Amino acid sequence: MTLRHFKIYTTVYVERNMTAAANKLFMSQPSVSQAIKELEKHYQTVLFERFPKELKPTEAGDLLYDYASNILDMNTELEDMMKKGSSQHILRVGSNDTAGTTLLDQLLMQYTLDHPLEKVKVHVNRSIIIADMLRTNDLDIILTDEFPYAPDLYSEVIKQDEFIAVASPDYPGLPENLVADASYLSGVRLLLRESGTDERDYLDQYMKNKGYMVVPFWESISFDILKNSAIEKMGITILPSHAAEKELQSGKLIKLTIPDFDFHQSFVLGWQKNKYLSVPIIEFVNLCRGIKKP
């Protein structure tokens, strides 16, 4: 069996569909189907149960996926090392927007300082996309706050961060003692993440339980945009404390206490189970594990 067979197989395994896999690999569907048949003939076992709309891996299919992914991973590392020299490795890290803007940048800055000869490639996208990139060996490891738990992926919480309300110290009408209860929040400009995010859903339910509705003045997918808008006195926002740490220390923002509001964000590190962990991956994992947890 060849690396080509394994690449085709892992793509079909992830896509659960021959045509979708063929499109992703820029191949014809018959060629993809033929490669799967050759694998099944070689190993003398059925790798997929065929259903009208989906392929379902058998137990043997799951086992082959683990081994094929590992082989492709090691081959990628070997190619990188041989082409670029053994003194330089490539660490491929994926992140969603939240983890990228609040945590990953600092981690990679420290990693680069500790390992100046090692090259890092970063891909930022939605959590479900970077998880799929793990499965197809396009990424070594991912960091996200929205980890799509799956039996083929290993996950580890490396940090939990409390969500807090912040505002400019010059924002007009700040509450007495900086206590922002539900009544106060219902009457001010709220700068919030979009509906459907965990923190927004928690706030919506919190306000509903208090007898109020959330009517945001501004919605954004970016914590940086929300934070900068709060600094410019455009409203009050709710952020993970890590994202506002520097601004709180410098006095650009101040913390408001929301009674009974208790939402924490978990940052999760993930990679393929049974994956071969190269030295750069292990060193990055250890760096992430060194983050202080509250």
C-alpha atoms as a PDB file:
ATOM      1  CA  MET A   1       0.000   0.000   0.000  1.00  0.00           C
ATOM      2  CA  THR A   2       1.172   3.516  -0.808  1.00  0.00           C
ATOM      3  CA  LEU A   3       0.952   6.914   0.867  1.00  0.00           C
ATOM      4  CA  ARG A   4      -1.481   7.844  -1.900  1.00  0.00           C
ATOM      5  CA  HIS A   5      -3.836   5.075  -0.739  1.00  0.00           C
ATOM      6  CA  PHE A   6      -3.619   6.288   2.855  1.00  0.00           C
ATOM      7  CA  LYS A   7      -4.219   9.940   1.885  1.00  0.00           C
ATOM      8  CA  ILE A   8      -7.304   8.956  -0.110  1.00  0.00           C
ATOM      9  CA  TYR A   9      -8.531   6.686   2.668  1.00  0.00           C
ATOM     10  CA  THR A  10      -8.186   9.266   5.469  1.00  0.00           C
ATOM     11  CA  THR A  11      -9.999  11.846   3.343  1.00  0.00           C
ATOM     12  CA  VAL A  12     -12.878   9.456   2.616  1.00  0.00           C
ATOM     13  CA  TYR A  13     -12.983   8.551   6.314  1.00  0.00           C
ATOM     14  CA  VAL A  14     -13.382  12.209   7.301  1.00  0.00           C
ATOM     15  CA  GLU A  15     -15.834  13.110   4.528  1.00  0.00           C
ATOM     16  CA  ARG A  16     -17.867   9.862   4.811  1.00  0.00           C
ATOM     17  CA  ASN A  17     -18.573  10.253   1.097  1.00  0.00           C
ATOM     18  CA  MET A  18     -16.624   9.219  -2.017  1.00  0.00           C
ATOM     19  CA  THR A  19     -17.717  12.188  -4.136  1.00  0.00           C
ATOM     20  CA  ALA A  20     -16.939  14.739  -1.412  1.00  0.00           C
ATOM     21  CA  ALA A  21     -13.523  13.169  -0.890  1.00  0.00           C
ATOM     22  CA  ALA A  22     -12.841  13.203  -4.629  1.00  0.00           C
ATOM     23  CA  ASN A  23     -13.684  16.912  -4.821  1.00  0.00           C
ATOM     24  CA  LYS A  24     -11.417  17.671  -1.894  1.00  0.00           C
ATOM     25  CA  LEU A  25      -8.553  15.700  -3.447  1.00  0.00           C
ATOM     26  CA  PHE A  26      -9.203  17.042  -6.978  1.00  0.00           C
ATOM     27  CA  MET A  27      -9.652  13.479  -8.206  1.00  0.00           C
ATOM     28  CA  SER A  28     -12.378  11.628 -10.048  1.00  0.00           C
ATOM     29  CA  GLN A  29     -14.879   9.691  -7.965  1.00  0.00           C
ATOM     30  CA  PRO A  30     -14.104   6.362  -9.721  1.00  0.00           C
ATOM     31  CA  SER A  31     -10.391   6.770  -8.864  1.00  0.00           C
ATOM     32  CA  VAL A  32     -11.203   7.306  -5.200  1.00  0.00           C
ATOM     33  CA  SER A  33     -13.572   4.337  -5.192  1.00  0.00           C
ATOM     34  CA  GLN A  34     -10.938   2.141  -6.846  1.00  0.00           C
ATOM     35  CA  ALA A  35      -8.336   3.082  -4.201  1.00  0.00           C
ATOM     36  CA  ILE A  36     -10.725   2.049  -1.410  1.00  0.00           C
ATOM     37  CA  LYS A  37     -11.443  -1.255  -3.162  1.00  0.00           C
ATOM     38  CA  GLU A  38      -7.703  -1.899  -3.468  1.00  0.00           C
ATOM     39  CA  LEU A  39      -7.256  -1.287   0.260  1.00  0.00           C
ATOM     40  CA  GLU A  40     -10.101  -3.643   1.116  1.00  0.00           C
ATOM     41  CA  LYS A  41      -8.683  -6.307  -1.189  1.00  0.00           C
ATOM     42  CA  HIS A  42      -5.182  -5.906   0.223  1.00  0.00           C
ATOM     43  CA  TYR A  43      -6.270  -6.146   3.869  1.00  0.00           C
ATOM     44  CA  GLN A  44      -9.028  -8.656   3.059  1.00  0.00           C
ATOM     45  CA  THR A  45     -11.623  -6.806   5.075  1.00  0.00           C
ATOM     46  CA  VAL A  46     -14.490  -4.353   4.615  1.00  0.00           C
ATOM     47  CA  LEU A  47     -13.496  -0.830   5.633  1.00  0.00           C
ATOM     48  CA  PHE A  48     -16.832   0.943   5.083  1.00  0.00           C
ATOM     49  CA  GLU A  49     -20.470  -0.039   5.270  1.00  0.00           C
ATOM     50  CA  ARG A  50     -22.164   1.531   2.244  1.00  0.00           C
ATOM     51  CA  PHE A  51     -25.372   3.486   2.885  1.00  0.00           C
ATOM     52  CA  PRO A  52     -27.261   5.636   0.330  1.00  0.00           C
ATOM     53  CA  LYS A  53     -26.109   8.967   1.762  1.00  0.00           C
ATOM     54  CA  GLU A  54     -23.112   8.082   3.902  1.00  0.00           C
ATOM     55  CA  LEU A  55     -20.253   5.661   4.417  1.00  0.00           C
ATOM     56  CA  LYS A  56     -19.907   4.249   7.919  1.00  0.00           C
ATOM     57  CA  PRO A  57     -16.448   2.968   8.917  1.00  0.00           C
ATOM     58  CA  THR A  58     -16.245  -0.561  10.262  1.00  0.00           C
ATOM     59  CA  GLU A  59     -14.104  -1.450  13.267  1.00  0.00           C
ATOM     60  CA  ALA A  60     -11.300  -2.352  10.866  1.00  0.00           C
ATOM     61  CA  GLY A  61     -11.851   0.983   9.124  1.00  0.00           C
ATOM     62  CA  ASP A  62     -11.400   2.879  12.388  1.00  0.00           C
ATOM     63  CA  LEU A  63      -8.199   0.976  13.092  1.00  0.00           C
ATOM     64  CA  LEU A  64      -6.780   1.657   9.634  1.00  0.00           C
ATOM     65  CA  TYR A  65      -7.586   5.369   9.983  1.00  0.00           C
ATOM     66  CA  ASP A  66      -5.529   5.609  13.182  1.00  0.00           C
ATOM     67  CA  TYR A  67      -2.526   3.905  11.616  1.00  0.00           C
ATOM     68  CA  ALA A  68      -2.803   5.647   8.241  1.00  0.00           C
ATOM     69  CA  SER A  69      -3.012   9.065   9.916  1.00  0.00           C
ATOM     70  CA  ASN A  70       0.062   8.276  11.973  1.00  0.00           C
ATOM     71  CA  ILE A  71       2.009   7.155   8.907  1.00  0.00           C
ATOM     72  CA  LEU A  72       1.046  10.281   6.955  1.00  0.00           C
ATOM     73  CA  ASP A  73       2.006  12.432   9.924  1.00  0.00           C
ATOM     74  CA  MET A  74       5.465  10.915  10.200  1.00  0.00           C
ATOM     75  CA  ASN A  75       5.957  11.207   6.449  1.00  0.00           C
ATOM     76  CA  THR A  76       5.081  14.913   6.549  1.00  0.00           C
ATOM     77  CA  GLU A  77       7.558  15.512   9.344  1.00  0.00           C
ATOM     78  CA  LEU A  78      10.249  13.535   7.508  1.00  0.00           C
ATOM     79  CA  GLU A  79       9.684  15.537   4.323  1.00  0.00           C
ATOM     80  CA  ASP A  80       9.942  18.822   6.217  1.00  0.00           C
ATOM     81  CA  MET A  81      13.099  17.782   8.035  1.00  0.00           C
ATOM     82  CA  MET A  82      14.846  16.433   4.947  1.00  0.00           C
ATOM     83  CA  LYS A  83      13.994  19.446   2.778  1.00  0.00           C
ATOM     84  CA  LYS A  84      14.732  22.115   5.337  1.00  0.00           C
ATOM     85  CA  GLY A  85      17.477  20.464   7.338  1.00  0.00           C
ATOM     86  CA  SER A  86      17.291  18.541  10.592  1.00  0.00           C
ATOM     87  CA  SER A  87      17.983  21.723  12.571  1.00  0.00           C
ATOM     88  CA  GLN A  88      14.663  23.228  11.515  1.00  0.00           C
ATOM     89  CA  HIS A  89      11.244  21.703  12.176  1.00  0.00           C
ATOM     90  CA  ILE A  90       7.753  22.869  11.314  1.00  0.00           C
ATOM     91  CA  LEU A  91       5.019  23.020  13.925  1.00  0.00           C
ATOM     92  CA  ARG A  92       1.546  23.335  12.392  1.00  0.00           C
ATOM     93  CA  VAL A  93      -0.898  24.889  14.834  1.00  0.00           C
ATOM     94  CA  GLY A  94      -4.584  25.594  14.310  1.00  0.00           C
ATOM     95  CA  SER A  95      -6.766  27.926  16.332  1.00  0.00           C
ATOM     96  CA  ASN A  96     -10.181  29.494  16.278  1.00  0.00           C
ATOM     97  CA  ASP A  97     -10.491  33.290  16.454  1.00  0.00           C
ATOM     98  CA  THR A  98     -11.082  33.457  20.206  1.00  0.00           C
ATOM     99  CA  ALA A  99      -8.092  31.350  21.223  1.00  0.00           C
ATOM    100  CA  GLY A 100      -5.962  33.029  18.585  1.00  0.00           C
ATOM    101  CA  THR A 101      -6.551  36.554  19.854  1.00  0.00           C
ATOM    102  CA  THR A 102      -6.577  35.842  23.587  1.00  0.00           C
ATOM    103  CA  LEU A 103      -3.995  33.100  24.118  1.00  0.00           C
ATOM    104  CA  LEU A 104      -2.204  31.646  21.103  1.00  0.00           C
ATOM    105  CA  ASP A 105      -0.276  34.785  20.173  1.00  0.00           C
ATOM    106  CA  GLN A 106       1.465  34.881  23.552  1.00  0.00           C
ATOM    107  CA  LEU A 107       2.162  31.152  23.521  1.00  0.00           C
ATOM    108  CA  LEU A 108       3.737  31.295  20.078  1.00  0.00           C
ATOM    109  CA  MET A 109       5.795  34.341  21.020  1.00  0.00           C
ATOM    110  CA  GLN A 110       7.273  32.387  23.933  1.00  0.00           C
ATOM    111  CA  TYR A 111       7.707  29.246  21.821  1.00  0.00           C
ATOM    112  CA  THR A 112       9.617  31.215  19.169  1.00  0.00           C
ATOM    113  CA  LEU A 113      11.885  32.754  21.790  1.00  0.00           C
ATOM    114  CA  ASP A 114      12.647  29.308  23.236  1.00  0.00           C
ATOM    115  CA  HIS A 115      13.067  27.629  19.836  1.00  0.00           C
ATOM    116  CA  PRO A 116      14.391  30.229  17.371  1.00  0.00           C
ATOM    117  CA  LEU A 117      15.368  27.636  14.738  1.00  0.00           C
ATOM    118  CA  GLU A 118      11.953  26.006  14.541  1.00  0.00           C
ATOM    119  CA  LYS A 119       9.375  27.220  12.069  1.00  0.00           C
ATOM    120  CA  VAL A 120       5.699  27.588  12.964  1.00  0.00           C
ATOM    121  CA  LYS A 121       2.708  27.654  10.633  1.00  0.00           C
ATOM    122  CA  VAL A 122      -0.585  28.945  12.051  1.00  0.00           C
ATOM    123  CA  HIS A 123      -4.051  28.490  10.604  1.00  0.00           C
ATOM    124  CA  VAL A 124      -6.992  30.367  12.147  1.00  0.00           C
ATOM    125  CA  ASN A 125     -10.500  29.218  11.280  1.00  0.00           C
ATOM    126  CA  ARG A 126     -13.692  27.860  12.806  1.00  0.00           C
ATOM    127  CA  SER A 127     -13.228  25.062  15.325  1.00  0.00           C
ATOM    128  CA  ILE A 128     -14.998  22.472  13.193  1.00  0.00           C
ATOM    129  CA  ILE A 129     -12.701  23.253  10.246  1.00  0.00           C
ATOM    130  CA  ILE A 130      -9.430  23.065  12.153  1.00  0.00           C
ATOM    131  CA  ALA A 131     -10.610  19.803  13.739  1.00  0.00           C
ATOM    132  CA  ASP A 132     -11.105  18.368  10.245  1.00  0.00           C
ATOM    133  CA  MET A 133      -7.619  19.610   9.342  1.00  0.00           C
ATOM    134  CA  LEU A 134      -6.281  17.513  12.223  1.00  0.00           C
ATOM    135  CA  ARG A 135      -7.946  14.451  10.757  1.00  0.00           C
ATOM    136  CA  THR A 136      -6.422  15.034   7.320  1.00  0.00           C
ATOM    137  CA  ASN A 137      -2.952  15.716   8.814  1.00  0.00           C
ATOM    138  CA  ASP A 138      -2.928  19.323   7.641  1.00  0.00           C
ATOM    139  CA  LEU A 139      -2.430  20.399  11.268  1.00  0.00           C
ATOM    140  CA  ASP A 140      -0.485  18.870  14.138  1.00  0.00           C
ATOM    141  CA  ILE A 141      -2.380  20.396  17.030  1.00  0.00           C
ATOM    142  CA  ILE A 142      -5.207  22.848  17.672  1.00  0.00           C
ATOM    143  CA  LEU A 143      -6.135  25.297  20.419  1.00  0.00           C
ATOM    144  CA  THR A 144      -9.744  26.395  20.740  1.00  0.00           C
ATOM    145  CA  ASP A 145     -12.475  27.322  23.190  1.00  0.00           C
ATOM    146  CA  GLU A 146     -15.084  25.402  21.177  1.00  0.00           C
ATOM    147  CA  PHE A 147     -13.590  21.939  20.852  1.00  0.00           C
ATOM    148  CA  PRO A 148     -15.764  19.575  18.776  1.00  0.00           C
ATOM    149  CA  TYR A 149     -15.420  16.482  20.945  1.00  0.00           C
ATOM    150  CA  ALA A 150     -15.038  13.315  18.882  1.00  0.00           C
ATOM    151  CA  PRO A 151     -13.815   9.773  19.628  1.00  0.00           C
ATOM    152  CA  ASP A 152     -10.873  10.089  17.238  1.00  0.00           C
ATOM    153  CA  LEU A 153      -9.487  13.261  18.842  1.00  0.00           C
ATOM    154  CA  TYR A 154      -7.668  13.716  22.142  1.00  0.00           C
ATOM    155  CA  SER A 155      -8.506  16.851  24.117  1.00  0.00           C
ATOM    156  CA  GLU A 156      -7.049  18.488  27.191  1.00  0.00           C
ATOM    157  CA  VAL A 157      -8.194  21.621  29.036  1.00  0.00           C
ATOM    158  CA  ILE A 158      -5.148  23.811  29.644  1.00  0.00           C
ATOM    159  CA  LYS A 159      -6.803  26.927  31.028  1.00  0.00           C
ATOM    160  CA  GLN A 160     -10.121  28.239  32.286  1.00  0.00           C
ATOM    161  CA  ASP A 161     -10.859  31.937  32.109  1.00  0.00           C
ATOM    162  CA  GLU A 162     -13.571  33.886  33.913  1.00  0.00           C
ATOM    163  CA  PHE A 163     -15.799  36.191  31.867  1.00  0.00           C
ATOM    164  CA  ILE A 164     -16.089  39.713  33.280  1.00  0.00           C
ATOM    165  CA  ALA A 165     -17.859  42.949  32.381  1.00  0.00           C
ATOM    166  CA  VAL A 166     -15.549  45.866  31.540  1.00  0.00           C
ATOM    167  CA  ALA A 167     -15.962  49.496  30.593  1.00  0.00           C
ATOM    168  CA  SER A 168     -13.930  52.637  30.188  1.00  0.00           C
ATOM    169  CA  PRO A 169     -13.473  54.420  33.545  1.00  0.00           C
ATOM    170  CA  ASP A 170     -14.893  57.487  31.765  1.00  0.00           C
ATOM    171  CA  TYR A 171     -18.003  55.720  30.490  1.00  0.00           C
ATOM    172  CA  PRO A 172     -20.990  57.890  31.503  1.00  0.00           C
ATOM    173  CA  GLY A 173     -23.379  56.629  34.170  1.00  0.00           C
ATOM    174  CA  LEU A 174     -21.243  53.871  35.690  1.00  0.00           C
ATOM    175  CA  PRO A 175     -23.109  52.142  38.539  1.00  0.00           C
ATOM    176  CA  GLU A 176     -22.392  52.854  42.173  1.00  0.00           C
ATOM    177  CA  ASN A 177     -19.638  50.621  43.574  1.00  0.00           C
ATOM    178  CA  LEU A 178     -19.211  49.294  40.003  1.00  0.00           C
ATOM    179  CA  VAL A 179     -21.927  46.686  40.580  1.00  0.00           C
ATOM    180  CA  ALA A 180     -23.781  46.090  37.307  1.00  0.00           C
ATOM    181  CA  ASP A 181     -26.966  44.173  38.054  1.00  0.00           C
ATOM    182  CA  ALA A 182     -29.435  42.967  35.426  1.00  0.00           C
ATOM    183  CA  SER A 183     -31.502  46.132  35.699  1.00  0.00           C
ATOM    184  CA  TYR A 184     -28.480  48.283  34.953  1.00  0.00           C
ATOM    185  CA  LEU A 185     -27.328  46.090  32.054  1.00  0.00           C
ATOM    186  CA  SER A 186     -30.759  46.264  30.446  1.00  0.00           C
ATOM    187  CA  GLY A 187     -30.460  50.045  30.123  1.00  0.00           C
ATOM    188  CA  VAL A 188     -26.925  50.512  28.783  1.00  0.00           C
ATOM    189  CA  ARG A 189     -25.177  49.964  25.488  1.00  0.00           C
ATOM    190  CA  LEU A 190     -23.997  46.359  25.448  1.00  0.00           C
ATOM    191  CA  LEU A 191     -21.173  45.302  23.127  1.00  0.00           C
ATOM    192  CA  LEU A 192     -21.511  41.532  22.787  1.00  0.00           C
ATOM    193  CA  ARG A 193     -20.537  38.417  20.877  1.00  0.00           C
ATOM    194  CA  GLU A 194     -23.084  37.110  18.402  1.00  0.00           C
ATOM    195  CA  SER A 195     -25.976  34.843  19.380  1.00  0.00           C
ATOM    196  CA  GLY A 196     -25.088  31.156  19.424  1.00  0.00           C
ATOM    197  CA  THR A 197     -21.764  31.530  21.233  1.00  0.00           C
ATOM    198  CA  ASP A 198     -21.656  29.923  24.673  1.00  0.00           C
ATOM    199  CA  GLU A 199     -21.000  33.170  26.546  1.00  0.00           C
ATOM    200  CA  ARG A 200     -23.789  35.021  24.746  1.00  0.00           C
ATOM    201  CA  ASP A 201     -26.279  32.219  25.362  1.00  0.00           C
ATOM    202  CA  TYR A 202     -25.333  32.235  29.054  1.00  0.00           C
ATOM    203  CA  LEU A 203     -25.866  36.006  29.293  1.00  0.00           C
ATOM    204  CA  ASP A 204     -29.217  35.788  27.474  1.00  0.00           C
ATOM    205  CA  GLN A 205     -30.421  33.131  29.922  1.00  0.00           C
ATOM    206  CA  TYR A 206     -29.034  35.059  32.901  1.00  0.00           C
ATOM    207  CA  MET A 207     -30.940  38.193  31.925  1.00  0.00           C
ATOM    208  CA  LYS A 208     -34.105  36.206  31.158  1.00  0.00           C
ATOM    209  CA  ASN A 209     -33.995  34.631  34.623  1.00  0.00           C
ATOM    210  CA  LYS A 210     -33.827  38.138  36.083  1.00  0.00           C
ATOM    211  CA  GLY A 211     -36.824  39.274  34.037  1.00  0.00           C
ATOM    212  CA  TYR A 212     -34.948  41.235  31.353  1.00  0.00           C
ATOM    213  CA  MET A 213     -34.031  40.809  27.700  1.00  0.00           C
ATOM    214  CA  VAL A 214     -30.639  41.363  26.100  1.00  0.00           C
ATOM    215  CA  VAL A 215     -30.738  44.039  23.419  1.00  0.00           C
ATOM    216  CA  PRO A 216     -27.155  44.503  22.208  1.00  0.00           C
ATOM    217  CA  PHE A 217     -26.030  47.847  20.838  1.00  0.00           C
ATOM    218  CA  TRP A 218     -23.317  46.126  18.824  1.00  0.00           C
ATOM    219  CA  GLU A 219     -22.430  42.517  18.001  1.00  0.00           C
ATOM    220  CA  SER A 220     -19.073  41.217  16.813  1.00  0.00           C
ATOM    221  CA  ILE A 221     -17.220  37.923  16.490  1.00  0.00           C
ATOM    222  CA  SER A 222     -14.006  39.603  17.677  1.00  0.00           C
ATOM    223  CA  PHE A 223     -13.113  40.197  21.316  1.00  0.00           C
ATOM    224  CA  ASP A 224     -10.520  42.750  20.186  1.00  0.00           C
ATOM    225  CA  ILE A 225     -13.167  44.834  18.437  1.00  0.00           C
ATOM    226  CA  LEU A 226     -15.445  44.686  21.467  1.00  0.00           C
ATOM    227  CA  LYS A 227     -12.598  45.576  23.816  1.00  0.00           C
ATOM    228  CA  ASN A 228     -11.414  48.525  21.742  1.00  0.00           C
ATOM    229  CA  SER A 229     -14.975  49.792  21.430  1.00  0.00           C
ATOM    230  CA  ALA A 230     -15.348  49.706  25.212  1.00  0.00           C
ATOM    231  CA  ILE A 231     -12.089  51.651  25.576  1.00  0.00           C
ATOM    232  CA  GLU A 232     -13.559  54.279  23.245  1.00  0.00           C
ATOM    233  CA  LYS A 233     -16.575  54.584  25.604  1.00  0.00           C
ATOM    234  CA  MET A 234     -19.032  53.099  23.115  1.00  0.00           C
ATOM    235  CA  GLY A 235     -20.541  50.757  25.708  1.00  0.00           C
ATOM    236  CA  ILE A 236     -19.970  47.927  28.161  1.00  0.00           C
ATOM    237  CA  THR A 237     -18.722  44.535  27.050  1.00  0.00           C
ATOM    238  CA  ILE A 238     -18.202  41.101  28.568  1.00  0.00           C
ATOM    239  CA  LEU A 239     -14.850  39.451  27.886  1.00  0.00           C
ATOM    240  CA  PRO A 240     -12.642  36.650  29.182  1.00  0.00           C
ATOM    241  CA  SER A 241     -10.450  38.243  31.852  1.00  0.00           C
ATOM    242  CA  HIS A 242      -7.304  37.192  29.994  1.00  0.00           C
ATOM    243  CA  ALA A 243      -8.330  39.269  26.971  1.00  0.00           C
ATOM    244  CA  ALA A 244      -8.619  42.466  29.047  1.00  0.00           C
ATOM    245  CA  GLU A 245      -5.689  41.858  31.423  1.00  0.00           C
ATOM    246  CA  LYS A 246      -3.334  44.520  30.014  1.00  0.00           C
ATOM    247  CA  GLU A 247      -6.052  47.152  29.704  1.00  0.00           C
ATOM    248  CA  LEU A 248      -7.207  46.558  33.271  1.00  0.00           C
ATOM    249  CA  GLN A 249      -3.653  46.937  34.555  1.00  0.00           C
ATOM    250  CA  SER A 250      -3.077  50.133  32.555  1.00  0.00           C
ATOM    251  CA  GLY A 251      -6.388  51.646  33.647  1.00  0.00           C
ATOM    252  CA  LYS A 252      -7.872  51.834  30.158  1.00  0.00           C
ATOM    253  CA  LEU A 253     -10.666  49.557  31.369  1.00  0.00           C
ATOM    254  CA  ILE A 254     -12.239  48.829  34.730  1.00  0.00           C
ATOM    255  CA  LYS A 255     -14.071  45.733  35.899  1.00  0.00           C
ATOM    256  CA  LEU A 256     -17.768  45.761  36.743  1.00  0.00           C
ATOM    257  CA  THR A 257     -19.210  43.110  39.045  1.00  0.00           C
ATOM    258  CA  ILE A 258     -22.312  41.291  37.810  1.00  0.00           C
ATOM    259  CA  PRO A 259     -24.023  39.588  40.782  1.00  0.00           C
ATOM    260  CA  ASP A 260     -24.415  35.806  40.416  1.00  0.00           C
ATOM    261  CA  PHE A 261     -22.832  35.855  36.950  1.00  0.00           C
ATOM    262  CA  ASP A 262     -20.469  32.889  36.723  1.00  0.00           C
ATOM    263  CA  PHE A 263     -19.336  31.898  33.241  1.00  0.00           C
ATOM    264  CA  HIS A 264     -15.906  30.439  32.487  1.00  0.00           C
ATOM    265  CA  GLN A 265     -14.253  29.753  29.177  1.00  0.00           C
ATOM    266  CA  SER A 266     -12.204  26.579  28.721  1.00  0.00           C
ATOM    267  CA  PHE A 267      -9.234  26.590  26.360  1.00  0.00           C
ATOM    268  CA  VAL A 268      -8.705  23.112  24.953  1.00  0.00           C
ATOM    269  CA  LEU A 269      -5.651  21.620  23.281  1.00  0.00           C
ATOM    270  CA  GLY A 270      -6.383  18.806  20.837  1.00  0.00           C
ATOM    271  CA  TRP A 271      -4.680  16.362  18.494  1.00  0.00           C
ATOM    272  CA  GLN A 272      -5.368  13.000  16.888  1.00  0.00           C
ATOM    273  CA  LYS A 273      -5.418  10.004  19.175  1.00  0.00           C
ATOM    274  CA  ASN A 274      -2.489   7.646  18.548  1.00  0.00           C
ATOM    275  CA  LYS A 275      -0.706  10.473  16.769  1.00  0.00           C
ATOM    276  CA  TYR A 276       3.066  10.424  16.583  1.00  0.00           C
ATOM    277  CA  LEU A 277       4.135  13.418  18.682  1.00  0.00           C
ATOM    278  CA  SER A 278       7.320  14.934  17.325  1.00  0.00           C
ATOM    279  CA  VAL A 279       9.706  16.911  19.528  1.00  0.00           C
ATOM    280  CA  PRO A 280       8.286  20.320  18.442  1.00  0.00           C
ATOM    281  CA  ILE A 281       4.742  19.160  19.231  1.00  0.00           C
ATOM    282  CA  ILE A 282       5.741  17.829  22.651  1.00  0.00           C
ATOM    283  CA  GLU A 283       7.567  21.057  23.497  1.00  0.00           C
ATOM    284  CA  PHE A 284       4.556  23.165  22.469  1.00  0.00           C
ATOM    285  CA  VAL A 285       2.215  20.948  24.504  1.00  0.00           C
ATOM    286  CA  ASN A 286       4.438  21.330  27.564  1.00  0.00           C
ATOM    287  CA  LEU A 287       4.461  25.110  27.095  1.00  0.00           C
ATOM    288  CA  CYS A 288       0.647  25.138  26.976  1.00  0.00           C
ATOM    289  CA  ARG A 289       0.431  22.933  30.052  1.00  0.00           C
ATOM    290  CA  GLY A 290       2.563  25.445  31.924  1.00  0.00           C
ATOM    291  CA  ILE A 291      -0.135  28.103  31.743  1.00  0.00           C
ATOM    292  CA  LYS A 292      -1.380  28.929  35.206  1.00  0.00           C
ATOM    293  CA  LYS A 293      -4.941  27.774  35.819  1.00  0.00           C
ATOM    294  CA  PRO A 294      -7.124  29.839  38.168  1.00  0.00           C
END
